[in-house]
Amino acid sequence: MPQSQDVNVLVGLATRDDAGVYKLRDDLAVVQTVDFFTPVVDDPYDFGRIAAANALSDVYAMGATPITALNICAFPVEELDLSILIRILEGGAAISEQAGVALLGGHTIKDAEPKYGMAVTGTVDPSKIVTNAGARPGDLLILTKPLGTGILTTALKRERIDAAALKPAVDAMLTLNDAASRAMVEAGAHGATDITGYGLLGHAGEMMEASHVALEFDASRIPVFDGALELIAEGVVPGGTKDNAAAHAAFTTFASGVEPAVRTLLSDAQTSGGLLIAVDAANAEALRAKIGPAAHIVGRVREGTGISVAGSSPQ
């Protein structure tokens, strides 16, 4: 797509960041993003909540504050009862209220498969934007949520696990990245991105390219949901994760001790995943502690290019 030549575009298409940023004045910029997808859980209310949290995450990843949202919804009105749509929208509204976001309306279309998400607008001080282009050699990398939501939601669809086994992942997907976002801004984080559809390696690859650095991950430090690695070993891998892994092979090298299931996990397509934060090594432990026990130091930034993965089994 053609690149905007508007000098007020602070973050556009060039770095494939989580959201666009447009300067209104020297101390104020708007942050805009849009995201929607098909159901990842059976409960319509939870689906609405997860989709809303996922959309808001792109704004949090920029160190910004979401202020308004618009619903985007596709629904098979002739096949499914409208009460399902109502519950989806109620879920989105609940997360909006929790985040302090004004839900202004939206748009719906008829479609064969339900889809829901939001277009979100946020605000940020232009001097405090956190982008995927700011990682520096010497930084440590912090991941704020476990990996494996794509594997587990696929396992639920294939009836390999029940709702109880999926609950820890649902709880994580419902957790807003607002507190982690505020903490990283206060800690002076150099760069960040949220981990969603392209998996950890995909979004880390965007950070690597945008920042002109190399990234190193220690597989043994990466948090993972219980059961995800076992399901991968049993062949429960969504198509999107397989596509991700094929694409990530172009810029990722694995140490011989990194097991095949772990390699797949690092490409697993996430929904409402955590933030990957690049922060000065001197501030990393304090930032991790402030975010809480879900946050882990999982790697480091070095000079060069590409991504390397060492270590053995994740946590």
C-alpha atoms as a PDB file:
ATOM      1  CA  MET A   1       0.000   0.000   0.000  1.00  0.00           C
ATOM      2  CA  PRO A   2       1.183   3.564  -0.611  1.00  0.00           C
ATOM      3  CA  GLN A   3       2.812   5.262   2.373  1.00  0.00           C
ATOM      4  CA  SER A   4       1.243   8.462   3.697  1.00  0.00           C
ATOM      5  CA  GLN A   5       3.377  11.551   3.218  1.00  0.00           C
ATOM      6  CA  ASP A   6       1.559  13.486   5.961  1.00  0.00           C
ATOM      7  CA  VAL A   7       4.211  14.785   8.374  1.00  0.00           C
ATOM      8  CA  ASN A   8       1.809  14.278  11.287  1.00  0.00           C
ATOM      9  CA  VAL A   9       1.804  10.492  10.800  1.00  0.00           C
ATOM     10  CA  LEU A  10       4.166   9.391  13.565  1.00  0.00           C
ATOM     11  CA  VAL A  11       3.606   5.645  13.128  1.00  0.00           C
ATOM     12  CA  GLY A  12       2.241   4.327   9.846  1.00  0.00           C
ATOM     13  CA  LEU A  13       2.601   1.208   7.733  1.00  0.00           C
ATOM     14  CA  ALA A  14       6.378   1.105   7.389  1.00  0.00           C
ATOM     15  CA  THR A  15       7.201  -0.800  10.599  1.00  0.00           C
ATOM     16  CA  ARG A  16       4.074  -2.991  10.767  1.00  0.00           C
ATOM     17  CA  ASP A  17       3.404  -1.757  14.287  1.00  0.00           C
ATOM     18  CA  ASP A  18       0.345  -2.551  16.406  1.00  0.00           C
ATOM     19  CA  ALA A  19      -1.480   0.725  15.736  1.00  0.00           C
ATOM     20  CA  GLY A  20      -1.197   3.937  13.751  1.00  0.00           C
ATOM     21  CA  VAL A  21      -0.334   7.207  15.477  1.00  0.00           C
ATOM     22  CA  TYR A  22      -1.276  10.680  14.215  1.00  0.00           C
ATOM     23  CA  LYS A  23      -0.066  13.905  15.865  1.00  0.00           C
ATOM     24  CA  LEU A  24      -2.715  16.523  16.618  1.00  0.00           C
ATOM     25  CA  ARG A  25      -0.398  18.877  18.469  1.00  0.00           C
ATOM     26  CA  ASP A  26       3.014  18.730  20.117  1.00  0.00           C
ATOM     27  CA  ASP A  27       1.633  17.165  23.314  1.00  0.00           C
ATOM     28  CA  LEU A  28      -1.194  15.023  21.874  1.00  0.00           C
ATOM     29  CA  ALA A  29      -1.535  12.266  19.289  1.00  0.00           C
ATOM     30  CA  VAL A  30      -4.330   9.835  18.466  1.00  0.00           C
ATOM     31  CA  VAL A  31      -3.714   6.104  18.234  1.00  0.00           C
ATOM     32  CA  GLN A  32      -5.955   4.004  15.987  1.00  0.00           C
ATOM     33  CA  THR A  33      -6.372   0.280  15.461  1.00  0.00           C
ATOM     34  CA  VAL A  34      -8.957  -2.268  14.331  1.00  0.00           C
ATOM     35  CA  ASP A  35      -9.228  -6.005  14.982  1.00  0.00           C
ATOM     36  CA  PHE A  36     -11.956  -8.642  14.648  1.00  0.00           C
ATOM     37  CA  PHE A  37     -12.128 -12.418  14.212  1.00  0.00           C
ATOM     38  CA  THR A  38     -14.283 -15.539  14.410  1.00  0.00           C
ATOM     39  CA  PRO A  39     -15.195 -17.133  17.774  1.00  0.00           C
ATOM     40  CA  VAL A  40     -12.378 -18.776  19.717  1.00  0.00           C
ATOM     41  CA  VAL A  41     -14.593 -20.002  22.576  1.00  0.00           C
ATOM     42  CA  ASP A  42     -18.133 -21.375  22.763  1.00  0.00           C
ATOM     43  CA  ASP A  43     -19.634 -18.835  25.169  1.00  0.00           C
ATOM     44  CA  PRO A  44     -20.829 -15.723  23.248  1.00  0.00           C
ATOM     45  CA  TYR A  45     -20.288 -13.386  26.195  1.00  0.00           C
ATOM     46  CA  ASP A  46     -16.709 -14.576  26.692  1.00  0.00           C
ATOM     47  CA  PHE A  47     -16.106 -14.293  22.943  1.00  0.00           C
ATOM     48  CA  GLY A  48     -17.211 -10.664  23.055  1.00  0.00           C
ATOM     49  CA  ARG A  49     -15.010  -9.933  26.031  1.00  0.00           C
ATOM     50  CA  ILE A  50     -11.958 -11.626  24.511  1.00  0.00           C
ATOM     51  CA  ALA A  51     -12.366  -9.872  21.164  1.00  0.00           C
ATOM     52  CA  ALA A  52     -12.667  -6.488  22.865  1.00  0.00           C
ATOM     53  CA  ALA A  53      -9.620  -7.091  25.069  1.00  0.00           C
ATOM     54  CA  ASN A  54      -7.688  -8.171  21.989  1.00  0.00           C
ATOM     55  CA  ALA A  55      -8.567  -4.981  20.100  1.00  0.00           C
ATOM     56  CA  LEU A  56      -7.698  -2.733  23.049  1.00  0.00           C
ATOM     57  CA  SER A  57      -4.334  -4.461  23.398  1.00  0.00           C
ATOM     58  CA  ASP A  58      -2.958  -2.810  20.267  1.00  0.00           C
ATOM     59  CA  VAL A  59      -3.389   0.611  21.890  1.00  0.00           C
ATOM     60  CA  TYR A  60      -1.821  -0.543  25.152  1.00  0.00           C
ATOM     61  CA  ALA A  61       1.147  -1.899  23.201  1.00  0.00           C
ATOM     62  CA  MET A  62       1.895   1.652  22.044  1.00  0.00           C
ATOM     63  CA  GLY A  63       1.958   2.954  25.625  1.00  0.00           C
ATOM     64  CA  ALA A  64      -1.305   4.771  24.933  1.00  0.00           C
ATOM     65  CA  THR A  65      -4.708   5.074  26.611  1.00  0.00           C
ATOM     66  CA  PRO A  66      -7.802   3.856  24.721  1.00  0.00           C
ATOM     67  CA  ILE A  67     -10.714   6.296  24.932  1.00  0.00           C
ATOM     68  CA  THR A  68     -13.366   5.259  22.373  1.00  0.00           C
ATOM     69  CA  ALA A  69     -14.384   2.157  20.449  1.00  0.00           C
ATOM     70  CA  LEU A  70     -16.759   1.110  17.662  1.00  0.00           C
ATOM     71  CA  ASN A  71     -18.150  -2.408  17.311  1.00  0.00           C
ATOM     72  CA  ILE A  72     -17.499  -4.379  14.121  1.00  0.00           C
ATOM     73  CA  CYS A  73     -19.773  -7.379  13.791  1.00  0.00           C
ATOM     74  CA  ALA A  74     -20.801  -9.958  11.189  1.00  0.00           C
ATOM     75  CA  PHE A  75     -23.614 -12.345  12.077  1.00  0.00           C
ATOM     76  CA  PRO A  76     -25.732 -15.052  10.373  1.00  0.00           C
ATOM     77  CA  VAL A  77     -29.103 -13.616  11.387  1.00  0.00           C
ATOM     78  CA  GLU A  78     -31.048 -16.299   9.524  1.00  0.00           C
ATOM     79  CA  GLU A  79     -29.191 -19.226  11.152  1.00  0.00           C
ATOM     80  CA  LEU A  80     -28.466 -18.113  14.718  1.00  0.00           C
ATOM     81  CA  ASP A  81     -30.723 -16.517  17.299  1.00  0.00           C
ATOM     82  CA  LEU A  82     -30.139 -12.810  17.856  1.00  0.00           C
ATOM     83  CA  SER A  83     -29.787 -13.487  21.574  1.00  0.00           C
ATOM     84  CA  ILE A  84     -26.298 -14.802  20.753  1.00  0.00           C
ATOM     85  CA  LEU A  85     -25.373 -11.528  19.078  1.00  0.00           C
ATOM     86  CA  ILE A  86     -26.711  -9.616  22.056  1.00  0.00           C
ATOM     87  CA  ARG A  87     -24.473 -11.590  24.411  1.00  0.00           C
ATOM     88  CA  ILE A  88     -21.417 -10.985  22.192  1.00  0.00           C
ATOM     89  CA  LEU A  89     -22.064  -7.253  22.236  1.00  0.00           C
ATOM     90  CA  GLU A  90     -22.711  -7.286  25.981  1.00  0.00           C
ATOM     91  CA  GLY A  91     -19.308  -8.921  26.446  1.00  0.00           C
ATOM     92  CA  GLY A  92     -17.609  -6.243  24.397  1.00  0.00           C
ATOM     93  CA  ALA A  93     -19.434  -3.538  26.338  1.00  0.00           C
ATOM     94  CA  ALA A  94     -18.345  -5.058  29.663  1.00  0.00           C
ATOM     95  CA  ILE A  95     -14.671  -4.920  28.704  1.00  0.00           C
ATOM     96  CA  SER A  96     -15.090  -1.373  27.375  1.00  0.00           C
ATOM     97  CA  GLU A  97     -16.551  -0.300  30.706  1.00  0.00           C
ATOM     98  CA  GLN A  98     -13.764  -2.054  32.591  1.00  0.00           C
ATOM     99  CA  ALA A  99     -11.174  -0.222  30.478  1.00  0.00           C
ATOM    100  CA  GLY A 100     -12.901   3.148  30.810  1.00  0.00           C
ATOM    101  CA  VAL A 101     -13.548   3.246  27.070  1.00  0.00           C
ATOM    102  CA  ALA A 102     -16.630   4.953  25.603  1.00  0.00           C
ATOM    103  CA  LEU A 103     -18.401   2.564  23.227  1.00  0.00           C
ATOM    104  CA  LEU A 104     -19.885   4.868  20.585  1.00  0.00           C
ATOM    105  CA  GLY A 105     -21.718   2.434  18.297  1.00  0.00           C
ATOM    106  CA  GLY A 106     -20.535   0.393  15.366  1.00  0.00           C
ATOM    107  CA  HIS A 107     -21.555  -1.473  12.228  1.00  0.00           C
ATOM    108  CA  THR A 108     -23.008  -4.919  11.492  1.00  0.00           C
ATOM    109  CA  ILE A 109     -23.393  -7.009   8.351  1.00  0.00           C
ATOM    110  CA  LYS A 110     -25.011 -10.351   7.543  1.00  0.00           C
ATOM    111  CA  ASP A 111     -22.455 -13.108   7.103  1.00  0.00           C
ATOM    112  CA  ALA A 112     -22.335 -16.894   7.184  1.00  0.00           C
ATOM    113  CA  GLU A 113     -20.028 -16.975  10.205  1.00  0.00           C
ATOM    114  CA  PRO A 114     -20.023 -14.781  13.334  1.00  0.00           C
ATOM    115  CA  LYS A 115     -17.209 -12.268  13.564  1.00  0.00           C
ATOM    116  CA  TYR A 116     -16.675  -9.572  16.169  1.00  0.00           C
ATOM    117  CA  GLY A 117     -14.134  -6.982  17.161  1.00  0.00           C
ATOM    118  CA  MET A 118     -13.584  -3.273  17.546  1.00  0.00           C
ATOM    119  CA  ALA A 119     -12.052  -0.196  15.999  1.00  0.00           C
ATOM    120  CA  VAL A 120     -10.347   1.606  18.880  1.00  0.00           C
ATOM    121  CA  THR A 121      -9.034   5.141  19.268  1.00  0.00           C
ATOM    122  CA  GLY A 122      -6.596   6.134  21.984  1.00  0.00           C
ATOM    123  CA  THR A 123      -4.448   9.080  22.975  1.00  0.00           C
ATOM    124  CA  VAL A 124      -0.779   9.425  23.801  1.00  0.00           C
ATOM    125  CA  ASP A 125       1.856  12.081  24.367  1.00  0.00           C
ATOM    126  CA  PRO A 126       4.014  11.932  21.195  1.00  0.00           C
ATOM    127  CA  SER A 127       7.141  11.998  23.358  1.00  0.00           C
ATOM    128  CA  LYS A 128       6.041   8.837  25.201  1.00  0.00           C
ATOM    129  CA  ILE A 129       5.017   6.532  22.342  1.00  0.00           C
ATOM    130  CA  VAL A 130       6.381   3.001  22.666  1.00  0.00           C
ATOM    131  CA  THR A 131       6.827   1.374  19.257  1.00  0.00           C
ATOM    132  CA  ASN A 132       8.202  -1.886  17.909  1.00  0.00           C
ATOM    133  CA  ALA A 133      11.095   0.091  16.405  1.00  0.00           C
ATOM    134  CA  GLY A 134      12.790   1.140  19.643  1.00  0.00           C
ATOM    135  CA  ALA A 135      14.515  -2.021  20.911  1.00  0.00           C
ATOM    136  CA  ARG A 136      18.223  -1.457  21.620  1.00  0.00           C
ATOM    137  CA  PRO A 137      21.195  -3.820  21.944  1.00  0.00           C
ATOM    138  CA  GLY A 138      21.583  -4.711  25.619  1.00  0.00           C
ATOM    139  CA  ASP A 139      17.849  -4.581  26.363  1.00  0.00           C
ATOM    140  CA  LEU A 140      16.159  -7.535  28.006  1.00  0.00           C
ATOM    141  CA  LEU A 141      12.872  -8.907  26.682  1.00  0.00           C
ATOM    142  CA  ILE A 142       9.852  -9.355  28.963  1.00  0.00           C
ATOM    143  CA  LEU A 143       6.766 -11.385  28.001  1.00  0.00           C
ATOM    144  CA  THR A 144       3.654 -10.704  30.092  1.00  0.00           C
ATOM    145  CA  LYS A 145       1.382 -13.700  29.315  1.00  0.00           C
ATOM    146  CA  PRO A 146       1.931 -17.412  28.646  1.00  0.00           C
ATOM    147  CA  LEU A 147       1.796 -18.871  25.122  1.00  0.00           C
ATOM    148  CA  GLY A 148      -0.555 -21.530  23.798  1.00  0.00           C
ATOM    149  CA  THR A 149      -4.025 -19.990  23.374  1.00  0.00           C
ATOM    150  CA  GLY A 150      -4.189 -21.031  19.724  1.00  0.00           C
ATOM    151  CA  ILE A 151      -3.360 -24.632  20.581  1.00  0.00           C
ATOM    152  CA  LEU A 152      -5.845 -24.815  23.448  1.00  0.00           C
ATOM    153  CA  THR A 153      -8.765 -23.170  21.647  1.00  0.00           C
ATOM    154  CA  THR A 154      -8.195 -25.504  18.701  1.00  0.00           C
ATOM    155  CA  ALA A 155      -8.160 -28.458  21.089  1.00  0.00           C
ATOM    156  CA  LEU A 156     -11.527 -27.325  22.456  1.00  0.00           C
ATOM    157  CA  LYS A 157     -13.000 -27.154  18.944  1.00  0.00           C
ATOM    158  CA  ARG A 158     -11.707 -30.670  18.261  1.00  0.00           C
ATOM    159  CA  GLU A 159     -13.108 -31.874  21.606  1.00  0.00           C
ATOM    160  CA  ARG A 160      -9.659 -32.825  22.877  1.00  0.00           C
ATOM    161  CA  ILE A 161     -10.093 -30.742  26.038  1.00  0.00           C
ATOM    162  CA  ASP A 162     -13.067 -29.393  27.968  1.00  0.00           C
ATOM    163  CA  ALA A 163     -13.958 -25.878  29.105  1.00  0.00           C
ATOM    164  CA  ALA A 164     -12.296 -26.418  32.479  1.00  0.00           C
ATOM    165  CA  ALA A 165      -8.939 -27.141  30.822  1.00  0.00           C
ATOM    166  CA  LEU A 166      -9.308 -24.017  28.691  1.00  0.00           C
ATOM    167  CA  LYS A 167     -10.237 -21.730  31.610  1.00  0.00           C
ATOM    168  CA  PRO A 168      -6.672 -20.543  32.464  1.00  0.00           C
ATOM    169  CA  ALA A 169      -6.223 -19.431  28.861  1.00  0.00           C
ATOM    170  CA  VAL A 170      -9.647 -17.738  28.824  1.00  0.00           C
ATOM    171  CA  ASP A 171      -8.774 -15.878  32.024  1.00  0.00           C
ATOM    172  CA  ALA A 172      -5.523 -14.681  30.423  1.00  0.00           C
ATOM    173  CA  MET A 173      -7.277 -13.607  27.226  1.00  0.00           C
ATOM    174  CA  LEU A 174      -9.737 -11.596  29.323  1.00  0.00           C
ATOM    175  CA  THR A 175      -6.922  -9.832  31.183  1.00  0.00           C
ATOM    176  CA  LEU A 176      -6.307  -6.338  29.837  1.00  0.00           C
ATOM    177  CA  ASN A 177      -2.753  -5.234  29.097  1.00  0.00           C
ATOM    178  CA  ASP A 178      -3.427  -1.845  30.683  1.00  0.00           C
ATOM    179  CA  ALA A 179      -1.363  -2.320  33.843  1.00  0.00           C
ATOM    180  CA  ALA A 180       1.591  -3.751  31.903  1.00  0.00           C
ATOM    181  CA  SER A 181       1.365  -0.821  29.496  1.00  0.00           C
ATOM    182  CA  ARG A 182       1.466   1.771  32.255  1.00  0.00           C
ATOM    183  CA  ALA A 183       4.332  -0.020  33.968  1.00  0.00           C
ATOM    184  CA  MET A 184       6.451  -0.168  30.817  1.00  0.00           C
ATOM    185  CA  VAL A 185       5.939   3.551  30.135  1.00  0.00           C
ATOM    186  CA  GLU A 186       6.937   4.396  33.713  1.00  0.00           C
ATOM    187  CA  ALA A 187      10.014   2.168  33.349  1.00  0.00           C
ATOM    188  CA  GLY A 188      11.086   3.912  30.151  1.00  0.00           C
ATOM    189  CA  ALA A 189      10.711   0.835  27.942  1.00  0.00           C
ATOM    190  CA  HIS A 190      12.438   1.239  24.606  1.00  0.00           C
ATOM    191  CA  GLY A 191      10.090  -0.905  22.524  1.00  0.00           C
ATOM    192  CA  ALA A 192       7.039  -3.150  22.693  1.00  0.00           C
ATOM    193  CA  THR A 193       4.516  -5.135  20.692  1.00  0.00           C
ATOM    194  CA  ASP A 194       1.594  -7.348  21.634  1.00  0.00           C
ATOM    195  CA  ILE A 195       1.622 -11.033  20.730  1.00  0.00           C
ATOM    196  CA  THR A 196      -1.407 -11.983  18.669  1.00  0.00           C
ATOM    197  CA  GLY A 197      -2.048 -13.711  15.346  1.00  0.00           C
ATOM    198  CA  TYR A 198       1.543 -14.014  14.110  1.00  0.00           C
ATOM    199  CA  GLY A 199       2.739 -15.656  17.319  1.00  0.00           C
ATOM    200  CA  LEU A 200       5.737 -14.732  19.460  1.00  0.00           C
ATOM    201  CA  LEU A 201       8.267 -15.195  16.655  1.00  0.00           C
ATOM    202  CA  GLY A 202       6.192 -13.301  14.116  1.00  0.00           C
ATOM    203  CA  HIS A 203       5.687 -10.191  16.216  1.00  0.00           C
ATOM    204  CA  ALA A 204       9.246 -10.417  17.540  1.00  0.00           C
ATOM    205  CA  GLY A 205      10.365 -10.570  13.911  1.00  0.00           C
ATOM    206  CA  GLU A 206       8.555  -7.298  13.239  1.00  0.00           C
ATOM    207  CA  MET A 207      10.344  -5.765  16.234  1.00  0.00           C
ATOM    208  CA  MET A 208      13.661  -7.164  15.013  1.00  0.00           C
ATOM    209  CA  GLU A 209      13.247  -5.659  11.547  1.00  0.00           C
ATOM    210  CA  ALA A 210      11.834  -2.317  12.705  1.00  0.00           C
ATOM    211  CA  SER A 211      14.551  -1.861  15.352  1.00  0.00           C
ATOM    212  CA  HIS A 212      17.424  -3.188  13.162  1.00  0.00           C
ATOM    213  CA  VAL A 213      18.585  -5.551  15.886  1.00  0.00           C
ATOM    214  CA  ALA A 214      18.901  -9.264  16.629  1.00  0.00           C
ATOM    215  CA  LEU A 215      16.768 -10.986  19.266  1.00  0.00           C
ATOM    216  CA  GLU A 216      17.697 -13.993  21.386  1.00  0.00           C
ATOM    217  CA  PHE A 217      15.139 -16.098  23.268  1.00  0.00           C
ATOM    218  CA  ASP A 218      15.702 -18.677  25.991  1.00  0.00           C
ATOM    219  CA  ALA A 219      12.994 -21.318  25.513  1.00  0.00           C
ATOM    220  CA  SER A 220      13.343 -22.486  29.113  1.00  0.00           C
ATOM    221  CA  ARG A 221      12.185 -19.061  30.361  1.00  0.00           C
ATOM    222  CA  ILE A 222       9.084 -18.728  28.181  1.00  0.00           C
ATOM    223  CA  PRO A 223       5.787 -19.246  30.047  1.00  0.00           C
ATOM    224  CA  VAL A 224       3.324 -21.709  28.509  1.00  0.00           C
ATOM    225  CA  PHE A 225      -0.181 -22.853  29.401  1.00  0.00           C
ATOM    226  CA  ASP A 226      -0.462 -26.325  30.896  1.00  0.00           C
ATOM    227  CA  GLY A 227      -1.137 -28.980  28.290  1.00  0.00           C
ATOM    228  CA  ALA A 228      -0.192 -26.940  25.227  1.00  0.00           C
ATOM    229  CA  LEU A 229       3.077 -28.743  24.469  1.00  0.00           C
ATOM    230  CA  GLU A 230       1.483 -32.154  24.967  1.00  0.00           C
ATOM    231  CA  LEU A 231      -1.328 -31.253  22.547  1.00  0.00           C
ATOM    232  CA  ILE A 232       1.198 -30.095  19.933  1.00  0.00           C
ATOM    233  CA  ALA A 233       3.011 -33.426  20.256  1.00  0.00           C
ATOM    234  CA  GLU A 234      -0.344 -35.135  19.639  1.00  0.00           C
ATOM    235  CA  GLY A 235      -0.876 -33.151  16.435  1.00  0.00           C
ATOM    236  CA  VAL A 236      -3.295 -30.503  17.693  1.00  0.00           C
ATOM    237  CA  VAL A 237      -1.941 -27.530  15.744  1.00  0.00           C
ATOM    238  CA  PRO A 238      -4.150 -24.933  13.981  1.00  0.00           C
ATOM    239  CA  GLY A 239      -3.493 -24.107  10.343  1.00  0.00           C
ATOM    240  CA  GLY A 240      -2.550 -20.512  11.155  1.00  0.00           C
ATOM    241  CA  THR A 241       0.190 -21.690  13.495  1.00  0.00           C
ATOM    242  CA  LYS A 242       1.585 -24.001  10.813  1.00  0.00           C
ATOM    243  CA  ASP A 243       1.617 -21.118   8.320  1.00  0.00           C
ATOM    244  CA  ASN A 244       3.338 -18.914  10.895  1.00  0.00           C
ATOM    245  CA  ALA A 245       6.064 -21.490  11.530  1.00  0.00           C
ATOM    246  CA  ALA A 246       6.801 -21.798   7.811  1.00  0.00           C
ATOM    247  CA  ALA A 247       7.157 -18.017   7.500  1.00  0.00           C
ATOM    248  CA  HIS A 248       9.255 -17.659  10.663  1.00  0.00           C
ATOM    249  CA  ALA A 249      11.810 -20.178   9.434  1.00  0.00           C
ATOM    250  CA  ALA A 250      13.189 -17.470   7.135  1.00  0.00           C
ATOM    251  CA  PHE A 251      14.624 -15.448  10.035  1.00  0.00           C
ATOM    252  CA  THR A 252      14.761 -17.858  13.016  1.00  0.00           C
ATOM    253  CA  THR A 253      17.463 -20.333  14.045  1.00  0.00           C
ATOM    254  CA  PHE A 254      16.962 -22.906  16.798  1.00  0.00           C
ATOM    255  CA  ALA A 255      19.582 -24.578  18.955  1.00  0.00           C
ATOM    256  CA  SER A 256      19.588 -28.360  18.611  1.00  0.00           C
ATOM    257  CA  GLY A 257      18.122 -28.803  22.093  1.00  0.00           C
ATOM    258  CA  VAL A 258      14.915 -26.918  21.286  1.00  0.00           C
ATOM    259  CA  GLU A 259      12.262 -29.607  20.809  1.00  0.00           C
ATOM    260  CA  PRO A 260       9.880 -29.609  17.798  1.00  0.00           C
ATOM    261  CA  ALA A 261       6.829 -28.925  19.993  1.00  0.00           C
ATOM    262  CA  VAL A 262       8.544 -25.873  21.468  1.00  0.00           C
ATOM    263  CA  ARG A 263       9.410 -24.564  18.003  1.00  0.00           C
ATOM    264  CA  THR A 264       5.756 -24.831  17.033  1.00  0.00           C
ATOM    265  CA  LEU A 265       4.630 -23.178  20.263  1.00  0.00           C
ATOM    266  CA  LEU A 266       6.712 -20.076  19.538  1.00  0.00           C
ATOM    267  CA  SER A 267       4.764 -19.625  16.281  1.00  0.00           C
ATOM    268  CA  ASP A 268       1.354 -20.337  17.814  1.00  0.00           C
ATOM    269  CA  ALA A 269      -1.232 -17.748  16.804  1.00  0.00           C
ATOM    270  CA  GLN A 270      -2.330 -16.008  20.003  1.00  0.00           C
ATOM    271  CA  THR A 271      -5.538 -14.175  20.846  1.00  0.00           C
ATOM    272  CA  SER A 272      -5.356 -11.278  23.307  1.00  0.00           C
ATOM    273  CA  GLY A 273      -1.791 -12.268  24.137  1.00  0.00           C
ATOM    274  CA  GLY A 274       0.719 -10.492  26.301  1.00  0.00           C
ATOM    275  CA  LEU A 275       3.124  -7.667  25.587  1.00  0.00           C
ATOM    276  CA  LEU A 276       6.704  -8.295  24.502  1.00  0.00           C
ATOM    277  CA  ILE A 277       8.683  -5.430  26.029  1.00  0.00           C
ATOM    278  CA  ALA A 278      12.273  -4.381  25.357  1.00  0.00           C
ATOM    279  CA  VAL A 279      13.678  -2.530  28.362  1.00  0.00           C
ATOM    280  CA  ASP A 280      17.090  -1.524  29.658  1.00  0.00           C
ATOM    281  CA  ALA A 281      18.647  -4.430  31.536  1.00  0.00           C
ATOM    282  CA  ALA A 282      19.023  -2.306  34.663  1.00  0.00           C
ATOM    283  CA  ASN A 283      15.233  -1.796  34.820  1.00  0.00           C
ATOM    284  CA  ALA A 284      14.065  -5.214  33.666  1.00  0.00           C
ATOM    285  CA  GLU A 285      13.723  -7.015  36.986  1.00  0.00           C
ATOM    286  CA  ALA A 286      11.903  -4.110  38.602  1.00  0.00           C
ATOM    287  CA  LEU A 287       9.523  -3.877  35.641  1.00  0.00           C
ATOM    288  CA  ARG A 288       8.859  -7.621  35.711  1.00  0.00           C
ATOM    289  CA  ALA A 289       8.095  -7.479  39.423  1.00  0.00           C
ATOM    290  CA  LYS A 290       5.754  -4.519  38.963  1.00  0.00           C
ATOM    291  CA  ILE A 291       3.767  -6.259  36.231  1.00  0.00           C
ATOM    292  CA  GLY A 292       3.401  -9.376  38.370  1.00  0.00           C
ATOM    293  CA  PRO A 293       4.053 -13.126  38.347  1.00  0.00           C
ATOM    294  CA  ALA A 294       2.755 -13.612  34.801  1.00  0.00           C
ATOM    295  CA  ALA A 295       5.681 -11.578  33.414  1.00  0.00           C
ATOM    296  CA  HIS A 296       8.937 -13.334  32.570  1.00  0.00           C
ATOM    297  CA  ILE A 297      12.313 -12.213  31.246  1.00  0.00           C
ATOM    298  CA  VAL A 298      12.552 -14.397  28.136  1.00  0.00           C
ATOM    299  CA  GLY A 299      15.500 -13.060  26.136  1.00  0.00           C
ATOM    300  CA  ARG A 300      17.690 -10.182  25.115  1.00  0.00           C
ATOM    301  CA  VAL A 301      18.436  -7.771  22.289  1.00  0.00           C
ATOM    302  CA  ARG A 302      21.775  -7.809  20.491  1.00  0.00           C
ATOM    303  CA  GLU A 303      23.399  -6.123  17.539  1.00  0.00           C
ATOM    304  CA  GLY A 304      22.853  -7.811  14.197  1.00  0.00           C
ATOM    305  CA  THR A 305      19.748  -9.314  12.639  1.00  0.00           C
ATOM    306  CA  GLY A 306      17.580 -12.402  12.939  1.00  0.00           C
ATOM    307  CA  ILE A 307      16.128 -14.336  15.855  1.00  0.00           C
ATOM    308  CA  SER A 308      17.836 -17.189  17.696  1.00  0.00           C
ATOM    309  CA  VAL A 309      16.246 -19.571  20.194  1.00  0.00           C
ATOM    310  CA  ALA A 310      18.259 -21.588  22.725  1.00  0.00           C
ATOM    311  CA  GLY A 311      17.360 -23.501  25.874  1.00  0.00           C
ATOM    312  CA  SER A 312      15.101 -26.478  26.408  1.00  0.00           C
ATOM    313  CA  SER A 313      11.527 -26.890  27.663  1.00  0.00           C
ATOM    314  CA  PRO A 314       9.519 -23.743  28.561  1.00  0.00           C
ATOM    315  CA  GLN A 315       8.102 -23.105  32.006  1.00  0.00           C
END
